[in-house]
Amino acid sequence: MTLQNWFGRGWLALAFATIYIISQATIASTLHSANASHLLFAFQFTYDAASFRELLASISAVQQAGLQAHFTYDHIHPLWYGGLIVTLTAWLLKKNDLGGRWNLLIIFGVIPSLMDVIENSIHEPLLFETAIPTDPAVTIAAICATIKWSMALGYLLMAITLGIRAAVQAKNEKTS
C-alpha cells in the first residue's frame, strides 16, 4: 500500500497529465510543422536496417530536421508520461481499494519510459546520421517502440476501466 500512498495522489496525476499534454503537443507541433509526424511512427516500427536506410533516404531535409528537432523535447518526455502512468495507476488503484499484487502495475508503469529512452538512444544517432543502421540496432529500437506503445495502450485501457469502476462504486455508495 506504500506505493499507492506515495504516488496515488490525484493532484500529482493531474500535474503530470498537464505537463505531459504540453510536452506531447510541443512534440506533435514540431513534427507536424516539418510534415514528419507519420515518419516518426514509420521509423519506430521499422525492424530491419535496409528498410530503415530506404526510409531515411526517402525523406526531405525539412522532414529530417523536424525528426531531429523533436529529440529536444523527447529526451525529457518519457519522464512526464512515465510519471503520469505511475501516479494515475497508483491513484486509481487506491480509489478502487486494490492493493497487494496490483501494486506491480505501479512499478511496471516505468517500463514504457525505459523503452522510449532505449529507443531514442538508438534512433537519434541514426536520424542524425552519426551512426549506420544495423539490423540488431534497428530491431532493438523497434521492439522497444512496440513494447512502449503496447504498454501505453494497455495502461490507457486500464485507466479507463478503473476510472469507470471507481465512479460506479462512488455512485453506488451515494445511493446506499
C-alpha atoms as a PDB file:
ATOM      1  CA  MET A   1       0.000   0.000   0.000  1.00  0.00           C
ATOM      2  CA  THR A   2       3.004   2.296   0.397  1.00  0.00           C
ATOM      3  CA  LEU A   3       3.402   2.915  -3.349  1.00  0.00           C
ATOM      4  CA  GLN A   4      -0.224   3.952  -3.546  1.00  0.00           C
ATOM      5  CA  ASN A   5       0.240   6.350  -0.638  1.00  0.00           C
ATOM      6  CA  TRP A   6       3.386   7.881  -2.146  1.00  0.00           C
ATOM      7  CA  PHE A   7       2.248   8.185  -5.737  1.00  0.00           C
ATOM      8  CA  GLY A   8      -1.549   7.830  -5.589  1.00  0.00           C
ATOM      9  CA  ARG A   9      -2.491  11.470  -5.304  1.00  0.00           C
ATOM     10  CA  GLY A  10      -4.983  12.936  -7.735  1.00  0.00           C
ATOM     11  CA  TRP A  11      -3.255  16.324  -7.824  1.00  0.00           C
ATOM     12  CA  LEU A  12       0.063  14.652  -8.692  1.00  0.00           C
ATOM     13  CA  ALA A  13      -1.512  12.679 -11.543  1.00  0.00           C
ATOM     14  CA  LEU A  14      -3.147  15.892 -12.763  1.00  0.00           C
ATOM     15  CA  ALA A  15       0.185  17.735 -12.654  1.00  0.00           C
ATOM     16  CA  PHE A  16       1.895  15.012 -14.692  1.00  0.00           C
ATOM     17  CA  ALA A  17      -1.058  14.917 -17.108  1.00  0.00           C
ATOM     18  CA  THR A  18      -0.812  18.663 -17.666  1.00  0.00           C
ATOM     19  CA  ILE A  19       2.936  18.586 -18.274  1.00  0.00           C
ATOM     20  CA  TYR A  20       2.568  15.506 -20.499  1.00  0.00           C
ATOM     21  CA  ILE A  21      -0.103  17.180 -22.652  1.00  0.00           C
ATOM     22  CA  ILE A  22       2.020  20.301 -23.095  1.00  0.00           C
ATOM     23  CA  SER A  23       5.083  18.214 -23.930  1.00  0.00           C
ATOM     24  CA  GLN A  24       3.158  15.972 -26.334  1.00  0.00           C
ATOM     25  CA  ALA A  25       1.627  18.986 -28.069  1.00  0.00           C
ATOM     26  CA  THR A  26       5.079  20.547 -28.464  1.00  0.00           C
ATOM     27  CA  ILE A  27       6.485  17.361 -29.989  1.00  0.00           C
ATOM     28  CA  ALA A  28       3.460  16.976 -32.264  1.00  0.00           C
ATOM     29  CA  SER A  29       3.738  20.600 -33.387  1.00  0.00           C
ATOM     30  CA  THR A  30       7.447  20.203 -34.106  1.00  0.00           C
ATOM     31  CA  LEU A  31       6.849  17.096 -36.196  1.00  0.00           C
ATOM     32  CA  HIS A  32       3.737  18.470 -37.902  1.00  0.00           C
ATOM     33  CA  SER A  33       5.456  21.693 -38.961  1.00  0.00           C
ATOM     34  CA  ALA A  34       8.048  19.572 -40.780  1.00  0.00           C
ATOM     35  CA  ASN A  35       5.444  17.167 -42.215  1.00  0.00           C
ATOM     36  CA  ALA A  36       7.211  14.388 -40.294  1.00  0.00           C
ATOM     37  CA  SER A  37       4.571  13.052 -37.875  1.00  0.00           C
ATOM     38  CA  HIS A  38       3.903   9.934 -39.912  1.00  0.00           C
ATOM     39  CA  LEU A  39       7.625   9.348 -40.367  1.00  0.00           C
ATOM     40  CA  LEU A  40       8.264   9.060 -36.642  1.00  0.00           C
ATOM     41  CA  PHE A  41       5.942   6.068 -36.454  1.00  0.00           C
ATOM     42  CA  ALA A  42       7.383   4.616 -39.648  1.00  0.00           C
ATOM     43  CA  PHE A  43      10.891   4.719 -38.183  1.00  0.00           C
ATOM     44  CA  GLN A  44       9.704   3.385 -34.827  1.00  0.00           C
ATOM     45  CA  PHE A  45       8.128   0.325 -36.426  1.00  0.00           C
ATOM     46  CA  THR A  46      10.877  -0.451 -38.929  1.00  0.00           C
ATOM     47  CA  TYR A  47      12.554  -3.692 -37.907  1.00  0.00           C
ATOM     48  CA  ASP A  48      15.414  -4.040 -40.389  1.00  0.00           C
ATOM     49  CA  ALA A  49      18.333  -1.839 -41.376  1.00  0.00           C
ATOM     50  CA  ALA A  50      17.704  -1.944 -45.128  1.00  0.00           C
ATOM     51  CA  SER A  51      14.151  -0.634 -44.731  1.00  0.00           C
ATOM     52  CA  PHE A  52      15.364   1.986 -42.252  1.00  0.00           C
ATOM     53  CA  ARG A  53      18.035   3.215 -44.688  1.00  0.00           C
ATOM     54  CA  GLU A  54      15.491   3.250 -47.525  1.00  0.00           C
ATOM     55  CA  LEU A  55      13.041   5.275 -45.442  1.00  0.00           C
ATOM     56  CA  LEU A  56      15.784   7.672 -44.342  1.00  0.00           C
ATOM     57  CA  ALA A  57      16.859   8.204 -47.955  1.00  0.00           C
ATOM     58  CA  SER A  58      13.273   8.977 -48.992  1.00  0.00           C
ATOM     59  CA  ILE A  59      12.646  11.895 -46.654  1.00  0.00           C
ATOM     60  CA  SER A  60      13.297  15.567 -47.295  1.00  0.00           C
ATOM     61  CA  ALA A  61      15.845  17.677 -45.445  1.00  0.00           C
ATOM     62  CA  VAL A  62      12.986  19.538 -43.726  1.00  0.00           C
ATOM     63  CA  GLN A  63      11.441  16.275 -42.535  1.00  0.00           C
ATOM     64  CA  GLN A  64      14.783  15.031 -41.270  1.00  0.00           C
ATOM     65  CA  ALA A  65      15.335  18.339 -39.438  1.00  0.00           C
ATOM     66  CA  GLY A  66      11.886  18.002 -37.853  1.00  0.00           C
ATOM     67  CA  LEU A  67      12.622  14.483 -36.704  1.00  0.00           C
ATOM     68  CA  GLN A  68      15.933  15.628 -35.292  1.00  0.00           C
ATOM     69  CA  ALA A  69      14.329  18.647 -33.598  1.00  0.00           C
ATOM     70  CA  HIS A  70      11.737  16.519 -31.825  1.00  0.00           C
ATOM     71  CA  PHE A  71      14.522  14.965 -29.753  1.00  0.00           C
ATOM     72  CA  THR A  72      14.979  18.325 -27.997  1.00  0.00           C
ATOM     73  CA  TYR A  73      11.701  17.608 -26.203  1.00  0.00           C
ATOM     74  CA  ASP A  74      11.655  13.824 -26.455  1.00  0.00           C
ATOM     75  CA  HIS A  75      14.654  13.443 -24.157  1.00  0.00           C
ATOM     76  CA  ILE A  76      12.592  14.543 -21.153  1.00  0.00           C
ATOM     77  CA  HIS A  77       9.163  13.451 -22.440  1.00  0.00           C
ATOM     78  CA  PRO A  78       9.451   9.883 -21.029  1.00  0.00           C
ATOM     79  CA  LEU A  79       9.678  11.398 -17.553  1.00  0.00           C
ATOM     80  CA  TRP A  80       6.323  13.120 -17.997  1.00  0.00           C
ATOM     81  CA  TYR A  81       4.347  10.178 -19.313  1.00  0.00           C
ATOM     82  CA  GLY A  82       6.123   7.733 -17.007  1.00  0.00           C
ATOM     83  CA  GLY A  83       5.141   9.935 -14.083  1.00  0.00           C
ATOM     84  CA  LEU A  84       1.600  10.106 -15.406  1.00  0.00           C
ATOM     85  CA  ILE A  85       1.344   6.336 -15.760  1.00  0.00           C
ATOM     86  CA  VAL A  86       2.751   5.707 -12.275  1.00  0.00           C
ATOM     87  CA  THR A  87       0.727   8.374 -10.455  1.00  0.00           C
ATOM     88  CA  LEU A  88      -2.539   7.756 -12.294  1.00  0.00           C
ATOM     89  CA  THR A  89      -2.243   3.993 -11.795  1.00  0.00           C
ATOM     90  CA  ALA A  90      -1.467   4.403  -8.089  1.00  0.00           C
ATOM     91  CA  TRP A  91      -4.335   6.849  -7.618  1.00  0.00           C
ATOM     92  CA  LEU A  92      -6.843   4.660  -9.476  1.00  0.00           C
ATOM     93  CA  LEU A  93      -5.746   1.540  -7.599  1.00  0.00           C
ATOM     94  CA  LYS A  94      -6.211   3.433  -4.347  1.00  0.00           C
ATOM     95  CA  LYS A  95      -9.644   4.719  -5.434  1.00  0.00           C
ATOM     96  CA  ASN A  96     -10.663   1.136  -6.245  1.00  0.00           C
ATOM     97  CA  ASP A  97      -9.242  -0.304  -2.994  1.00  0.00           C
ATOM     98  CA  LEU A  98      -6.928  -2.601  -4.939  1.00  0.00           C
ATOM     99  CA  GLY A  99      -3.673  -3.341  -3.161  1.00  0.00           C
ATOM    100  CA  GLY A 100      -1.161  -6.116  -2.826  1.00  0.00           C
ATOM    101  CA  ARG A 101      -0.257  -7.736  -6.122  1.00  0.00           C
ATOM    102  CA  TRP A 102      -1.900  -4.893  -8.052  1.00  0.00           C
ATOM    103  CA  ASN A 103       0.924  -2.609  -6.914  1.00  0.00           C
ATOM    104  CA  LEU A 104       3.158  -4.298  -9.502  1.00  0.00           C
ATOM    105  CA  LEU A 105       1.231  -2.267 -12.067  1.00  0.00           C
ATOM    106  CA  ILE A 106       2.661   0.870 -10.470  1.00  0.00           C
ATOM    107  CA  ILE A 107       6.224  -0.444 -10.708  1.00  0.00           C
ATOM    108  CA  PHE A 108       5.774  -1.749 -14.265  1.00  0.00           C
ATOM    109  CA  GLY A 109       4.493   1.706 -15.243  1.00  0.00           C
ATOM    110  CA  VAL A 110       8.086   2.867 -15.711  1.00  0.00           C
ATOM    111  CA  ILE A 111       8.777   0.271 -18.428  1.00  0.00           C
ATOM    112  CA  PRO A 112       7.320   2.317 -21.330  1.00  0.00           C
ATOM    113  CA  SER A 113       9.573   5.228 -20.373  1.00  0.00           C
ATOM    114  CA  LEU A 114      12.635   2.992 -20.174  1.00  0.00           C
ATOM    115  CA  MET A 115      11.787   1.519 -23.579  1.00  0.00           C
ATOM    116  CA  ASP A 116      11.487   5.046 -25.007  1.00  0.00           C
ATOM    117  CA  VAL A 117      14.889   6.029 -23.632  1.00  0.00           C
ATOM    118  CA  ILE A 118      16.489   2.947 -25.204  1.00  0.00           C
ATOM    119  CA  GLU A 119      14.660   3.526 -28.487  1.00  0.00           C
ATOM    120  CA  ASN A 120      15.713   7.200 -28.575  1.00  0.00           C
ATOM    121  CA  SER A 121      19.328   6.340 -27.774  1.00  0.00           C
ATOM    122  CA  ILE A 122      19.356   4.112 -30.858  1.00  0.00           C
ATOM    123  CA  HIS A 123      17.234   6.211 -33.225  1.00  0.00           C
ATOM    124  CA  GLU A 124      18.782   9.599 -32.540  1.00  0.00           C
ATOM    125  CA  PRO A 125      22.267   8.802 -33.920  1.00  0.00           C
ATOM    126  CA  LEU A 126      20.657   7.025 -36.879  1.00  0.00           C
ATOM    127  CA  LEU A 127      18.472  10.017 -37.725  1.00  0.00           C
ATOM    128  CA  PHE A 128      21.391  12.422 -37.266  1.00  0.00           C
ATOM    129  CA  GLU A 129      23.378  10.043 -39.470  1.00  0.00           C
ATOM    130  CA  THR A 130      26.194   9.776 -36.934  1.00  0.00           C
ATOM    131  CA  ALA A 131      25.686   6.005 -36.852  1.00  0.00           C
ATOM    132  CA  ILE A 132      24.986   3.434 -39.532  1.00  0.00           C
ATOM    133  CA  PRO A 133      21.726   1.463 -39.217  1.00  0.00           C
ATOM    134  CA  THR A 134      22.357  -2.192 -38.448  1.00  0.00           C
ATOM    135  CA  ASP A 135      19.772  -4.945 -38.153  1.00  0.00           C
ATOM    136  CA  PRO A 136      20.351  -5.504 -34.409  1.00  0.00           C
ATOM    137  CA  ALA A 137      20.121  -1.791 -33.548  1.00  0.00           C
ATOM    138  CA  VAL A 138      17.054  -1.112 -35.697  1.00  0.00           C
ATOM    139  CA  THR A 139      15.331  -4.268 -34.456  1.00  0.00           C
ATOM    140  CA  ILE A 140      16.014  -3.484 -30.794  1.00  0.00           C
ATOM    141  CA  ALA A 141      14.691   0.064 -31.259  1.00  0.00           C
ATOM    142  CA  ALA A 142      11.544  -1.254 -32.971  1.00  0.00           C
ATOM    143  CA  ILE A 143      10.985  -3.845 -30.241  1.00  0.00           C
ATOM    144  CA  CYS A 144      11.327  -1.100 -27.629  1.00  0.00           C
ATOM    145  CA  ALA A 145       8.835   1.081 -29.517  1.00  0.00           C
ATOM    146  CA  THR A 146       6.401  -1.824 -29.802  1.00  0.00           C
ATOM    147  CA  ILE A 147       6.643  -2.557 -26.075  1.00  0.00           C
ATOM    148  CA  LYS A 148       6.285   1.157 -25.251  1.00  0.00           C
ATOM    149  CA  TRP A 149       3.191   1.701 -27.386  1.00  0.00           C
ATOM    150  CA  SER A 150       1.581  -1.621 -26.399  1.00  0.00           C
ATOM    151  CA  MET A 151       2.029  -0.918 -22.714  1.00  0.00           C
ATOM    152  CA  ALA A 152       0.839   2.676 -23.102  1.00  0.00           C
ATOM    153  CA  LEU A 153      -2.344   1.396 -24.747  1.00  0.00           C
ATOM    154  CA  GLY A 154      -2.760  -1.206 -22.005  1.00  0.00           C
ATOM    155  CA  TYR A 155      -2.365   1.411 -19.285  1.00  0.00           C
ATOM    156  CA  LEU A 156      -4.819   3.723 -21.047  1.00  0.00           C
ATOM    157  CA  LEU A 157      -7.447   0.966 -21.233  1.00  0.00           C
ATOM    158  CA  MET A 158      -6.791   0.038 -17.605  1.00  0.00           C
ATOM    159  CA  ALA A 159      -7.137   3.685 -16.516  1.00  0.00           C
ATOM    160  CA  ILE A 160     -10.462   3.983 -18.322  1.00  0.00           C
ATOM    161  CA  THR A 161     -11.708   0.736 -16.762  1.00  0.00           C
ATOM    162  CA  LEU A 162     -10.563   1.650 -13.244  1.00  0.00           C
ATOM    163  CA  GLY A 163     -11.956   5.166 -13.621  1.00  0.00           C
ATOM    164  CA  ILE A 164     -15.360   3.819 -14.608  1.00  0.00           C
ATOM    165  CA  ARG A 165     -15.214   1.233 -11.806  1.00  0.00           C
ATOM    166  CA  ALA A 166     -14.392   3.900  -9.208  1.00  0.00           C
ATOM    167  CA  ALA A 167     -17.197   6.158 -10.482  1.00  0.00           C
ATOM    168  CA  VAL A 168     -19.729   3.320 -10.322  1.00  0.00           C
ATOM    169  CA  GLN A 169     -18.608   2.400  -6.795  1.00  0.00           C
ATOM    170  CA  ALA A 170     -18.863   6.028  -5.679  1.00  0.00           C
ATOM    171  CA  LYS A 171     -22.353   6.301  -7.185  1.00  0.00           C
ATOM    172  CA  ASN A 172     -23.447   3.058  -5.507  1.00  0.00           C
ATOM    173  CA  GLU A 173     -22.133   4.270  -2.147  1.00  0.00           C
ATOM    174  CA  LYS A 174     -24.101   7.503  -2.505  1.00  0.00           C
ATOM    175  CA  THR A 175     -27.337   5.685  -3.256  1.00  0.00           C
ATOM    176  CA  SER A 176     -26.918   3.138  -0.450  1.00  0.00           C
END
